[in-house]
Amino acid sequence: MDFYSQIQQALQSLKLALAVPSPIYEGASDMTRSQLVQEVEITDQGRTFKSAFYVEHGMIHANLAGKMVTLPCPNDDAAGVVRALLTEQVLSQSISRKDDAF
């Protein structure tokens, strides 16, 4: 699956995920949805990759491959941003592994 197809799939998954209310937010009376730790996952060649993140004061704090990445949240789509970063990271690792094989 090429990069464009993965991004399209991630966006479609995001649309589906946003359409279904998550039970994790039930009972979170004094916390807003954006303050809770969330997780996104992608699958590449049968392997699943995950990233946990949270949004605080308009900034996304994401754990990507054990490194904490902080960046501004441009809109209410923090999960989409983290999913795109995770996809980019997985694809770049896949390309570098192919380059090392030559």
PDB file of N, CA and C in Angstrom:
ATOM      1  N   MET A   1       0.857  -1.175   0.000  1.00  0.00           N
ATOM      2  CA  MET A   1       0.000   0.000   0.000  1.00  0.00           C
ATOM      3  C   MET A   1       0.904   1.239   0.000  1.00  0.00           C
ATOM      4  N   ASP A   2       0.672   2.150  -0.922  1.00  0.00           N
ATOM      5  CA  ASP A   2       1.502   3.346  -1.009  1.00  0.00           C
ATOM      6  C   ASP A   2       1.102   4.372   0.058  1.00  0.00           C
ATOM      7  N   PHE A   3       1.916   5.402   0.177  1.00  0.00           N
ATOM      8  CA  PHE A   3       1.723   6.416   1.212  1.00  0.00           C
ATOM      9  C   PHE A   3       0.358   7.094   1.069  1.00  0.00           C
ATOM     10  N   TYR A   4      -0.014   7.459  -0.161  1.00  0.00           N
ATOM     11  CA  TYR A   4      -1.287   8.142  -0.384  1.00  0.00           C
ATOM     12  C   TYR A   4      -2.451   7.261   0.064  1.00  0.00           C
ATOM     13  N   SER A   5      -2.389   5.990  -0.253  1.00  0.00           N
ATOM     14  CA  SER A   5      -3.457   5.062   0.143  1.00  0.00           C
ATOM     15  C   SER A   5      -3.533   4.936   1.658  1.00  0.00           C
ATOM     16  N   GLN A   6      -2.375   4.912   2.322  1.00  0.00           N
ATOM     17  CA  GLN A   6      -2.377   4.813   3.783  1.00  0.00           C
ATOM     18  C   GLN A   6      -2.978   6.054   4.417  1.00  0.00           C
ATOM     19  N   ILE A   7      -2.673   7.213   3.870  1.00  0.00           N
ATOM     20  CA  ILE A   7      -3.243   8.459   4.398  1.00  0.00           C
ATOM     21  C   ILE A   7      -4.756   8.453   4.180  1.00  0.00           C
ATOM     22  N   GLN A   8      -5.192   8.026   2.991  1.00  0.00           N
ATOM     23  CA  GLN A   8      -6.629   7.954   2.726  1.00  0.00           C
ATOM     24  C   GLN A   8      -7.314   6.994   3.702  1.00  0.00           C
ATOM     25  N   GLN A   9      -6.674   5.850   3.950  1.00  0.00           N
ATOM     26  CA  GLN A   9      -7.238   4.878   4.881  1.00  0.00           C
ATOM     27  C   GLN A   9      -7.277   5.447   6.295  1.00  0.00           C
ATOM     28  N   ALA A  10      -6.233   6.152   6.684  1.00  0.00           N
ATOM     29  CA  ALA A  10      -6.194   6.753   8.014  1.00  0.00           C
ATOM     30  C   ALA A  10      -7.299   7.791   8.165  1.00  0.00           C
ATOM     31  N   LEU A  11      -7.504   8.596   7.132  1.00  0.00           N
ATOM     32  CA  LEU A  11      -8.560   9.602   7.195  1.00  0.00           C
ATOM     33  C   LEU A  11      -9.937   8.951   7.253  1.00  0.00           C
ATOM     34  N   GLN A  12     -10.145   7.878   6.492  1.00  0.00           N
ATOM     35  CA  GLN A  12     -11.423   7.168   6.534  1.00  0.00           C
ATOM     36  C   GLN A  12     -11.655   6.562   7.918  1.00  0.00           C
ATOM     37  N   SER A  13     -10.593   5.966   8.492  1.00  0.00           N
ATOM     38  CA  SER A  13     -10.703   5.390   9.830  1.00  0.00           C
ATOM     39  C   SER A  13     -11.041   6.469  10.848  1.00  0.00           C
ATOM     40  N   LEU A  14     -10.429   7.639  10.672  1.00  0.00           N
ATOM     41  CA  LEU A  14     -10.693   8.746  11.582  1.00  0.00           C
ATOM     42  C   LEU A  14     -12.151   9.176  11.488  1.00  0.00           C
ATOM     43  N   LYS A  15     -12.683   9.256  10.275  1.00  0.00           N
ATOM     44  CA  LYS A  15     -14.087   9.626  10.111  1.00  0.00           C
ATOM     45  C   LYS A  15     -14.995   8.617  10.808  1.00  0.00           C
ATOM     46  N   LEU A  16     -14.674   7.338  10.666  1.00  0.00           N
ATOM     47  CA  LEU A  16     -15.482   6.307  11.319  1.00  0.00           C
ATOM     48  C   LEU A  16     -15.349   6.382  12.832  1.00  0.00           C
ATOM     49  N   ALA A  17     -14.127   6.609  13.315  1.00  0.00           N
ATOM     50  CA  ALA A  17     -13.903   6.673  14.759  1.00  0.00           C
ATOM     51  C   ALA A  17     -14.625   7.863  15.382  1.00  0.00           C
ATOM     52  N   LEU A  18     -14.645   8.976  14.672  1.00  0.00           N
ATOM     53  CA  LEU A  18     -15.308  10.160  15.207  1.00  0.00           C
ATOM     54  C   LEU A  18     -16.824  10.004  15.196  1.00  0.00           C
ATOM     55  N   ALA A  19     -17.331   9.146  14.336  1.00  0.00           N
ATOM     56  CA  ALA A  19     -18.777   8.950  14.241  1.00  0.00           C
ATOM     57  C   ALA A  19     -19.316   8.086  15.372  1.00  0.00           C
ATOM     58  N   VAL A  20     -18.437   7.307  16.020  1.00  0.00           N
ATOM     59  CA  VAL A  20     -18.858   6.399  17.085  1.00  0.00           C
ATOM     60  C   VAL A  20     -18.379   6.941  18.424  1.00  0.00           C
ATOM     61  N   PRO A  21     -19.277   7.240  19.366  1.00  0.00           N
ATOM     62  CA  PRO A  21     -18.840   7.730  20.673  1.00  0.00           C
ATOM     63  C   PRO A  21     -18.054   6.656  21.422  1.00  0.00           C
ATOM     64  N   SER A  22     -16.992   7.075  22.063  1.00  0.00           N
ATOM     65  CA  SER A  22     -16.135   6.136  22.782  1.00  0.00           C
ATOM     66  C   SER A  22     -16.529   6.072  24.250  1.00  0.00           C
ATOM     67  N   PRO A  23     -16.633   4.855  24.829  1.00  0.00           N
ATOM     68  CA  PRO A  23     -17.008   4.731  26.236  1.00  0.00           C
ATOM     69  C   PRO A  23     -15.937   5.255  27.189  1.00  0.00           C
ATOM     70  N   ILE A  24     -14.717   5.463  26.696  1.00  0.00           N
ATOM     71  CA  ILE A  24     -13.649   5.947  27.582  1.00  0.00           C
ATOM     72  C   ILE A  24     -13.991   7.327  28.141  1.00  0.00           C
ATOM     73  N   TYR A  25     -14.797   8.104  27.420  1.00  0.00           N
ATOM     74  CA  TYR A  25     -15.100   9.455  27.856  1.00  0.00           C
ATOM     75  C   TYR A  25     -16.293   9.531  28.802  1.00  0.00           C
ATOM     76  N   GLU A  26     -17.028   8.451  28.942  1.00  0.00           N
ATOM     77  CA  GLU A  26     -18.143   8.450  29.868  1.00  0.00           C
ATOM     78  C   GLU A  26     -17.611   8.529  31.297  1.00  0.00           C
ATOM     79  N   GLY A  27     -18.181   9.369  32.079  1.00  0.00           N
ATOM     80  CA  GLY A  27     -17.764   9.508  33.471  1.00  0.00           C
ATOM     81  C   GLY A  27     -16.577  10.435  33.667  1.00  0.00           C
ATOM     82  N   ALA A  28     -16.090  11.023  32.609  1.00  0.00           N
ATOM     83  CA  ALA A  28     -14.970  11.965  32.730  1.00  0.00           C
ATOM     84  C   ALA A  28     -15.554  13.353  32.963  1.00  0.00           C
ATOM     85  N   SER A  29     -16.137  13.544  34.137  1.00  0.00           N
ATOM     86  CA  SER A  29     -16.914  14.749  34.397  1.00  0.00           C
ATOM     87  C   SER A  29     -16.074  16.017  34.425  1.00  0.00           C
ATOM     88  N   ASP A  30     -14.905  15.990  35.075  1.00  0.00           N
ATOM     89  CA  ASP A  30     -14.139  17.226  35.205  1.00  0.00           C
ATOM     90  C   ASP A  30     -12.993  17.315  34.196  1.00  0.00           C
ATOM     91  N   MET A  31     -12.887  16.359  33.301  1.00  0.00           N
ATOM     92  CA  MET A  31     -11.848  16.409  32.279  1.00  0.00           C
ATOM     93  C   MET A  31     -12.515  16.493  30.907  1.00  0.00           C
ATOM     94  N   THR A  32     -11.970  17.299  30.058  1.00  0.00           N
ATOM     95  CA  THR A  32     -12.495  17.341  28.702  1.00  0.00           C
ATOM     96  C   THR A  32     -11.851  16.232  27.892  1.00  0.00           C
ATOM     97  N   ARG A  33     -12.466  15.904  26.783  1.00  0.00           N
ATOM     98  CA  ARG A  33     -11.960  14.843  25.925  1.00  0.00           C
ATOM     99  C   ARG A  33     -10.510  15.108  25.514  1.00  0.00           C
ATOM    100  N   SER A  34     -10.161  16.356  25.257  1.00  0.00           N
ATOM    101  CA  SER A  34      -8.827  16.675  24.770  1.00  0.00           C
ATOM    102  C   SER A  34      -7.743  16.483  25.824  1.00  0.00           C
ATOM    103  N   GLN A  35      -8.099  16.364  27.088  1.00  0.00           N
ATOM    104  CA  GLN A  35      -7.091  16.197  28.133  1.00  0.00           C
ATOM    105  C   GLN A  35      -6.790  14.733  28.425  1.00  0.00           C
ATOM    106  N   LEU A  36      -7.530  13.805  27.842  1.00  0.00           N
ATOM    107  CA  LEU A  36      -7.311  12.397  28.098  1.00  0.00           C
ATOM    108  C   LEU A  36      -6.266  11.830  27.150  1.00  0.00           C
ATOM    109  N   VAL A  37      -5.527  10.845  27.640  1.00  0.00           N
ATOM    110  CA  VAL A  37      -4.555  10.165  26.783  1.00  0.00           C
ATOM    111  C   VAL A  37      -5.336   9.296  25.801  1.00  0.00           C
ATOM    112  N   GLN A  38      -4.983   9.425  24.543  1.00  0.00           N
ATOM    113  CA  GLN A  38      -5.636   8.679  23.480  1.00  0.00           C
ATOM    114  C   GLN A  38      -4.582   7.873  22.736  1.00  0.00           C
ATOM    115  N   GLU A  39      -5.014   6.991  21.868  1.00  0.00           N
ATOM    116  CA  GLU A  39      -4.083   6.159  21.125  1.00  0.00           C
ATOM    117  C   GLU A  39      -4.578   5.991  19.697  1.00  0.00           C
ATOM    118  N   VAL A  40      -3.643   6.050  18.776  1.00  0.00           N
ATOM    119  CA  VAL A  40      -3.947   5.745  17.379  1.00  0.00           C
ATOM    120  C   VAL A  40      -3.084   4.568  16.969  1.00  0.00           C
ATOM    121  N   GLU A  41      -3.535   3.841  15.980  1.00  0.00           N
ATOM    122  CA  GLU A  41      -2.729   2.730  15.482  1.00  0.00           C
ATOM    123  C   GLU A  41      -2.882   2.621  13.978  1.00  0.00           C
ATOM    124  N   ILE A  42      -1.817   2.153  13.344  1.00  0.00           N
ATOM    125  CA  ILE A  42      -1.840   1.877  11.914  1.00  0.00           C
ATOM    126  C   ILE A  42      -1.262   0.488  11.713  1.00  0.00           C
ATOM    127  N   THR A  43      -1.573  -0.100  10.578  1.00  0.00           N
ATOM    128  CA  THR A  43      -1.041  -1.412  10.247  1.00  0.00           C
ATOM    129  C   THR A  43      -0.307  -1.302   8.926  1.00  0.00           C
ATOM    130  N   ASP A  44       0.904  -1.839   8.886  1.00  0.00           N
ATOM    131  CA  ASP A  44       1.721  -1.833   7.682  1.00  0.00           C
ATOM    132  C   ASP A  44       2.300  -3.219   7.494  1.00  0.00           C
ATOM    133  N   GLN A  45       1.959  -3.853   6.405  1.00  0.00           N
ATOM    134  CA  GLN A  45       2.456  -5.189   6.069  1.00  0.00           C
ATOM    135  C   GLN A  45       2.241  -6.178   7.217  1.00  0.00           C
ATOM    136  N   GLY A  46       1.052  -6.119   7.808  1.00  0.00           N
ATOM    137  CA  GLY A  46       0.690  -7.050   8.860  1.00  0.00           C
ATOM    138  C   GLY A  46       1.206  -6.691  10.243  1.00  0.00           C
ATOM    139  N   ARG A  47       1.982  -5.640  10.359  1.00  0.00           N
ATOM    140  CA  ARG A  47       2.491  -5.204  11.666  1.00  0.00           C
ATOM    141  C   ARG A  47       1.704  -3.982  12.124  1.00  0.00           C
ATOM    142  N   THR A  48       1.394  -3.942  13.413  1.00  0.00           N
ATOM    143  CA  THR A  48       0.623  -2.837  13.978  1.00  0.00           C
ATOM    144  C   THR A  48       1.552  -1.906  14.751  1.00  0.00           C
ATOM    145  N   PHE A  49       1.380  -0.611  14.516  1.00  0.00           N
ATOM    146  CA  PHE A  49       2.158   0.415  15.201  1.00  0.00           C
ATOM    147  C   PHE A  49       1.190   1.329  15.937  1.00  0.00           C
ATOM    148  N   LYS A  50       1.552   1.688  17.173  1.00  0.00           N
ATOM    149  CA  LYS A  50       0.668   2.519  17.999  1.00  0.00           C
ATOM    150  C   LYS A  50       1.412   3.745  18.498  1.00  0.00           C
ATOM    151  N   SER A  51       0.643   4.777  18.770  1.00  0.00           N
ATOM    152  CA  SER A  51       1.184   5.994  19.362  1.00  0.00           C
ATOM    153  C   SER A  51       0.163   6.548  20.346  1.00  0.00           C
ATOM    154  N   ALA A  52       0.605   6.800  21.554  1.00  0.00           N
ATOM    155  CA  ALA A  52      -0.251   7.434  22.564  1.00  0.00           C
ATOM    156  C   ALA A  52      -0.004   8.936  22.517  1.00  0.00           C
ATOM    157  N   PHE A  53      -1.065   9.708  22.759  1.00  0.00           N
ATOM    158  CA  PHE A  53      -0.916  11.159  22.739  1.00  0.00           C
ATOM    159  C   PHE A  53      -1.984  11.812  23.605  1.00  0.00           C
ATOM    160  N   TYR A  54      -1.738  13.067  23.931  1.00  0.00           N
ATOM    161  CA  TYR A  54      -2.758  13.888  24.586  1.00  0.00           C
ATOM    162  C   TYR A  54      -2.587  15.321  24.105  1.00  0.00           C
ATOM    163  N   VAL A  55      -3.628  16.100  24.262  1.00  0.00           N
ATOM    164  CA  VAL A  55      -3.606  17.508  23.862  1.00  0.00           C
ATOM    165  C   VAL A  55      -3.765  18.347  25.113  1.00  0.00           C
ATOM    166  N   GLU A  56      -2.877  19.315  25.258  1.00  0.00           N
ATOM    167  CA  GLU A  56      -2.933  20.208  26.422  1.00  0.00           C
ATOM    168  C   GLU A  56      -2.571  21.612  25.977  1.00  0.00           C
ATOM    169  N   HIS A  57      -3.419  22.561  26.280  1.00  0.00           N
ATOM    170  CA  HIS A  57      -3.208  23.975  25.933  1.00  0.00           C
ATOM    171  C   HIS A  57      -2.902  24.151  24.449  1.00  0.00           C
ATOM    172  N   GLY A  58      -3.628  23.434  23.598  1.00  0.00           N
ATOM    173  CA  GLY A  58      -3.467  23.577  22.161  1.00  0.00           C
ATOM    174  C   GLY A  58      -2.235  22.915  21.577  1.00  0.00           C
ATOM    175  N   MET A  59      -1.545  22.105  22.376  1.00  0.00           N
ATOM    176  CA  MET A  59      -0.341  21.414  21.906  1.00  0.00           C
ATOM    177  C   MET A  59      -0.558  19.905  21.969  1.00  0.00           C
ATOM    178  N   ILE A  60      -0.126  19.200  20.926  1.00  0.00           N
ATOM    179  CA  ILE A  60      -0.185  17.744  20.900  1.00  0.00           C
ATOM    180  C   ILE A  60       1.109  17.215  21.496  1.00  0.00           C
ATOM    181  N   HIS A  61       1.000  16.286  22.427  1.00  0.00           N
ATOM    182  CA  HIS A  61       2.160  15.609  23.022  1.00  0.00           C
ATOM    183  C   HIS A  61       2.012  14.137  22.664  1.00  0.00           C
ATOM    184  N   ALA A  62       2.876  13.662  21.740  1.00  0.00           N
ATOM    185  CA  ALA A  62       2.740  12.295  21.227  1.00  0.00           C
ATOM    186  C   ALA A  62       4.001  11.493  21.480  1.00  0.00           C
ATOM    187  N   ASN A  63       3.809  10.222  21.793  1.00  0.00           N
ATOM    188  CA  ASN A  63       4.920   9.299  21.972  1.00  0.00           C
ATOM    189  C   ASN A  63       5.072   8.524  20.663  1.00  0.00           C
ATOM    190  N   LEU A  64       6.135   8.833  19.940  1.00  0.00           N
ATOM    191  CA  LEU A  64       6.419   8.163  18.670  1.00  0.00           C
ATOM    192  C   LEU A  64       7.736   7.409  18.809  1.00  0.00           C
ATOM    193  N   ALA A  65       7.657   6.099  18.809  1.00  0.00           N
ATOM    194  CA  ALA A  65       8.841   5.230  18.923  1.00  0.00           C
ATOM    195  C   ALA A  65       9.662   5.566  20.162  1.00  0.00           C
ATOM    196  N   GLY A  66       8.981   5.833  21.259  1.00  0.00           N
ATOM    197  CA  GLY A  66       9.677   6.098  22.510  1.00  0.00           C
ATOM    198  C   GLY A  66      10.162   7.519  22.680  1.00  0.00           C
ATOM    199  N   LYS A  67       9.935   8.358  21.705  1.00  0.00           N
ATOM    200  CA  LYS A  67      10.339   9.766  21.791  1.00  0.00           C
ATOM    201  C   LYS A  67       9.097  10.630  21.908  1.00  0.00           C
ATOM    202  N   MET A  68       9.137  11.592  22.811  1.00  0.00           N
ATOM    203  CA  MET A  68       8.010  12.503  22.994  1.00  0.00           C
ATOM    204  C   MET A  68       8.137  13.641  21.992  1.00  0.00           C
ATOM    205  N   VAL A  69       7.105  13.820  21.196  1.00  0.00           N
ATOM    206  CA  VAL A  69       7.069  14.865  20.183  1.00  0.00           C
ATOM    207  C   VAL A  69       5.971  15.846  20.579  1.00  0.00           C
ATOM    208  N   THR A  70       6.288  17.127  20.558  1.00  0.00           N
ATOM    209  CA  THR A  70       5.321  18.162  20.899  1.00  0.00           C
ATOM    210  C   THR A  70       5.189  19.112  19.714  1.00  0.00           C
ATOM    211  N   LEU A  71       3.950  19.350  19.300  1.00  0.00           N
ATOM    212  CA  LEU A  71       3.710  20.257  18.197  1.00  0.00           C
ATOM    213  C   LEU A  71       2.342  20.889  18.359  1.00  0.00           C
ATOM    214  N   PRO A  72       2.135  22.038  17.727  1.00  0.00           N
ATOM    215  CA  PRO A  72       0.830  22.701  17.843  1.00  0.00           C
ATOM    216  C   PRO A  72      -0.274  21.866  17.211  1.00  0.00           C
ATOM    217  N   CYS A  73      -1.449  21.952  17.788  1.00  0.00           N
ATOM    218  CA  CYS A  73      -2.618  21.264  17.240  1.00  0.00           C
ATOM    219  C   CYS A  73      -3.354  22.275  16.354  1.00  0.00           C
ATOM    220  N   PRO A  74      -3.270  22.117  15.015  1.00  0.00           N
ATOM    221  CA  PRO A  74      -3.826  23.125  14.124  1.00  0.00           C
ATOM    222  C   PRO A  74      -5.349  23.172  14.102  1.00  0.00           C
ATOM    223  N   ASN A  75      -5.989  22.098  14.537  1.00  0.00           N
ATOM    224  CA  ASN A  75      -7.452  22.041  14.532  1.00  0.00           C
ATOM    225  C   ASN A  75      -7.883  21.000  15.562  1.00  0.00           C
ATOM    226  N   ASP A  76      -9.099  20.554  15.496  1.00  0.00           N
ATOM    227  CA  ASP A  76      -9.583  19.557  16.456  1.00  0.00           C
ATOM    228  C   ASP A  76      -9.253  18.129  16.045  1.00  0.00           C
ATOM    229  N   ASP A  77      -8.393  17.958  15.075  1.00  0.00           N
ATOM    230  CA  ASP A  77      -8.073  16.636  14.549  1.00  0.00           C
ATOM    231  C   ASP A  77      -6.691  16.159  15.018  1.00  0.00           C
ATOM    232  N   ALA A  78      -6.472  16.143  16.317  1.00  0.00           N
ATOM    233  CA  ALA A  78      -5.172  15.717  16.852  1.00  0.00           C
ATOM    234  C   ALA A  78      -4.883  14.263  16.486  1.00  0.00           C
ATOM    235  N   ALA A  79      -5.892  13.414  16.517  1.00  0.00           N
ATOM    236  CA  ALA A  79      -5.685  12.002  16.178  1.00  0.00           C
ATOM    237  C   ALA A  79      -5.225  11.858  14.731  1.00  0.00           C
ATOM    238  N   GLY A  80      -5.792  12.637  13.845  1.00  0.00           N
ATOM    239  CA  GLY A  80      -5.383  12.598  12.441  1.00  0.00           C
ATOM    240  C   GLY A  80      -3.954  13.052  12.254  1.00  0.00           C
ATOM    241  N   VAL A  81      -3.543  14.086  12.996  1.00  0.00           N
ATOM    242  CA  VAL A  81      -2.175  14.581  12.923  1.00  0.00           C
ATOM    243  C   VAL A  81      -1.204  13.515  13.420  1.00  0.00           C
ATOM    244  N   VAL A  82      -1.512  12.906  14.552  1.00  0.00           N
ATOM    245  CA  VAL A  82      -0.631  11.870  15.118  1.00  0.00           C
ATOM    246  C   VAL A  82      -0.600  10.650  14.204  1.00  0.00           C
ATOM    247  N   ARG A  83      -1.738  10.281  13.641  1.00  0.00           N
ATOM    248  CA  ARG A  83      -1.778   9.133  12.717  1.00  0.00           C
ATOM    249  C   ARG A  83      -0.901   9.410  11.490  1.00  0.00           C
ATOM    250  N   ALA A  84      -0.953  10.630  10.971  1.00  0.00           N
ATOM    251  CA  ALA A  84      -0.117  10.989   9.815  1.00  0.00           C
ATOM    252  C   ALA A  84       1.369  10.947  10.186  1.00  0.00           C
ATOM    253  N   LEU A  85       1.722  11.442  11.374  1.00  0.00           N
ATOM    254  CA  LEU A  85       3.124  11.378  11.827  1.00  0.00           C
ATOM    255  C   LEU A  85       3.595   9.942  11.988  1.00  0.00           C
ATOM    256  N   LEU A  86       2.739   9.114  12.567  1.00  0.00           N
ATOM    257  CA  LEU A  86       3.076   7.714  12.762  1.00  0.00           C
ATOM    258  C   LEU A  86       3.247   7.011  11.414  1.00  0.00           C
ATOM    259  N   THR A  87       2.354   7.297  10.477  1.00  0.00           N
ATOM    260  CA  THR A  87       2.453   6.713   9.136  1.00  0.00           C
ATOM    261  C   THR A  87       3.750   7.131   8.459  1.00  0.00           C
ATOM    262  N   GLU A  88       4.088   8.413   8.569  1.00  0.00           N
ATOM    263  CA  GLU A  88       5.334   8.914   7.980  1.00  0.00           C
ATOM    264  C   GLU A  88       6.544   8.222   8.598  1.00  0.00           C
ATOM    265  N   GLN A  89       6.525   8.052   9.913  1.00  0.00           N
ATOM    266  CA  GLN A  89       7.642   7.403  10.596  1.00  0.00           C
ATOM    267  C   GLN A  89       7.789   5.947  10.147  1.00  0.00           C
ATOM    268  N   VAL A  90       6.687   5.221  10.078  1.00  0.00           N
ATOM    269  CA  VAL A  90       6.717   3.814   9.667  1.00  0.00           C
ATOM    270  C   VAL A  90       7.219   3.695   8.235  1.00  0.00           C
ATOM    271  N   LEU A  91       6.721   4.557   7.353  1.00  0.00           N
ATOM    272  CA  LEU A  91       7.154   4.504   5.960  1.00  0.00           C
ATOM    273  C   LEU A  91       8.631   4.851   5.813  1.00  0.00           C
ATOM    274  N   SER A  92       9.110   5.840   6.556  1.00  0.00           N
ATOM    275  CA  SER A  92      10.529   6.206   6.456  1.00  0.00           C
ATOM    276  C   SER A  92      11.419   5.090   6.999  1.00  0.00           C
ATOM    277  N   GLN A  93      10.973   4.393   8.051  1.00  0.00           N
ATOM    278  CA  GLN A  93      11.742   3.257   8.560  1.00  0.00           C
ATOM    279  C   GLN A  93      11.754   2.131   7.545  1.00  0.00           C
ATOM    280  N   SER A  94      10.637   1.918   6.884  1.00  0.00           N
ATOM    281  CA  SER A  94      10.536   0.876   5.869  1.00  0.00           C
ATOM    282  C   SER A  94      11.463   1.179   4.699  1.00  0.00           C
ATOM    283  N   ILE A  95      11.516   2.426   4.280  1.00  0.00           N
ATOM    284  CA  ILE A  95      12.394   2.835   3.172  1.00  0.00           C
ATOM    285  C   ILE A  95      13.847   2.689   3.569  1.00  0.00           C
ATOM    286  N   SER A  96      14.194   3.098   4.798  1.00  0.00           N
ATOM    287  CA  SER A  96      15.597   3.000   5.222  1.00  0.00           C
ATOM    288  C   SER A  96      16.031   1.540   5.344  1.00  0.00           C
ATOM    289  N   ARG A  97      15.119   0.649   5.748  1.00  0.00           N
ATOM    290  CA  ARG A  97      15.469  -0.777   5.809  1.00  0.00           C
ATOM    291  C   ARG A  97      15.733  -1.322   4.409  1.00  0.00           C
ATOM    292  N   LYS A  98      14.930  -0.868   3.434  1.00  0.00           N
ATOM    293  CA  LYS A  98      15.138  -1.299   2.057  1.00  0.00           C
ATOM    294  C   LYS A  98      16.462  -0.776   1.525  1.00  0.00           C
ATOM    295  N   ASP A  99      16.814   0.477   1.877  1.00  0.00           N
ATOM    296  CA  ASP A  99      18.078   1.054   1.441  1.00  0.00           C
ATOM    297  C   ASP A  99      19.263   0.310   2.034  1.00  0.00           C
ATOM    298  N   ASP A 100      19.139  -0.123   3.309  1.00  0.00           N
ATOM    299  CA  ASP A 100      20.219  -0.855   3.963  1.00  0.00           C
ATOM    300  C   ASP A 100      20.440  -2.233   3.329  1.00  0.00           C
ATOM    301  N   ALA A 101      19.401  -2.769   2.714  1.00  0.00           N
ATOM    302  CA  ALA A 101      19.508  -4.095   2.113  1.00  0.00           C
ATOM    303  C   ALA A 101      20.329  -4.071   0.827  1.00  0.00           C
ATOM    304  N   PHE A 102      20.472  -2.893   0.217  1.00  0.00           N
ATOM    305  CA  PHE A 102      21.230  -2.816  -1.033  1.00  0.00           C
ATOM    306  C   PHE A 102      22.668  -2.707  -0.774  1.00  0.00           C
TER     307      PHE A 102
END
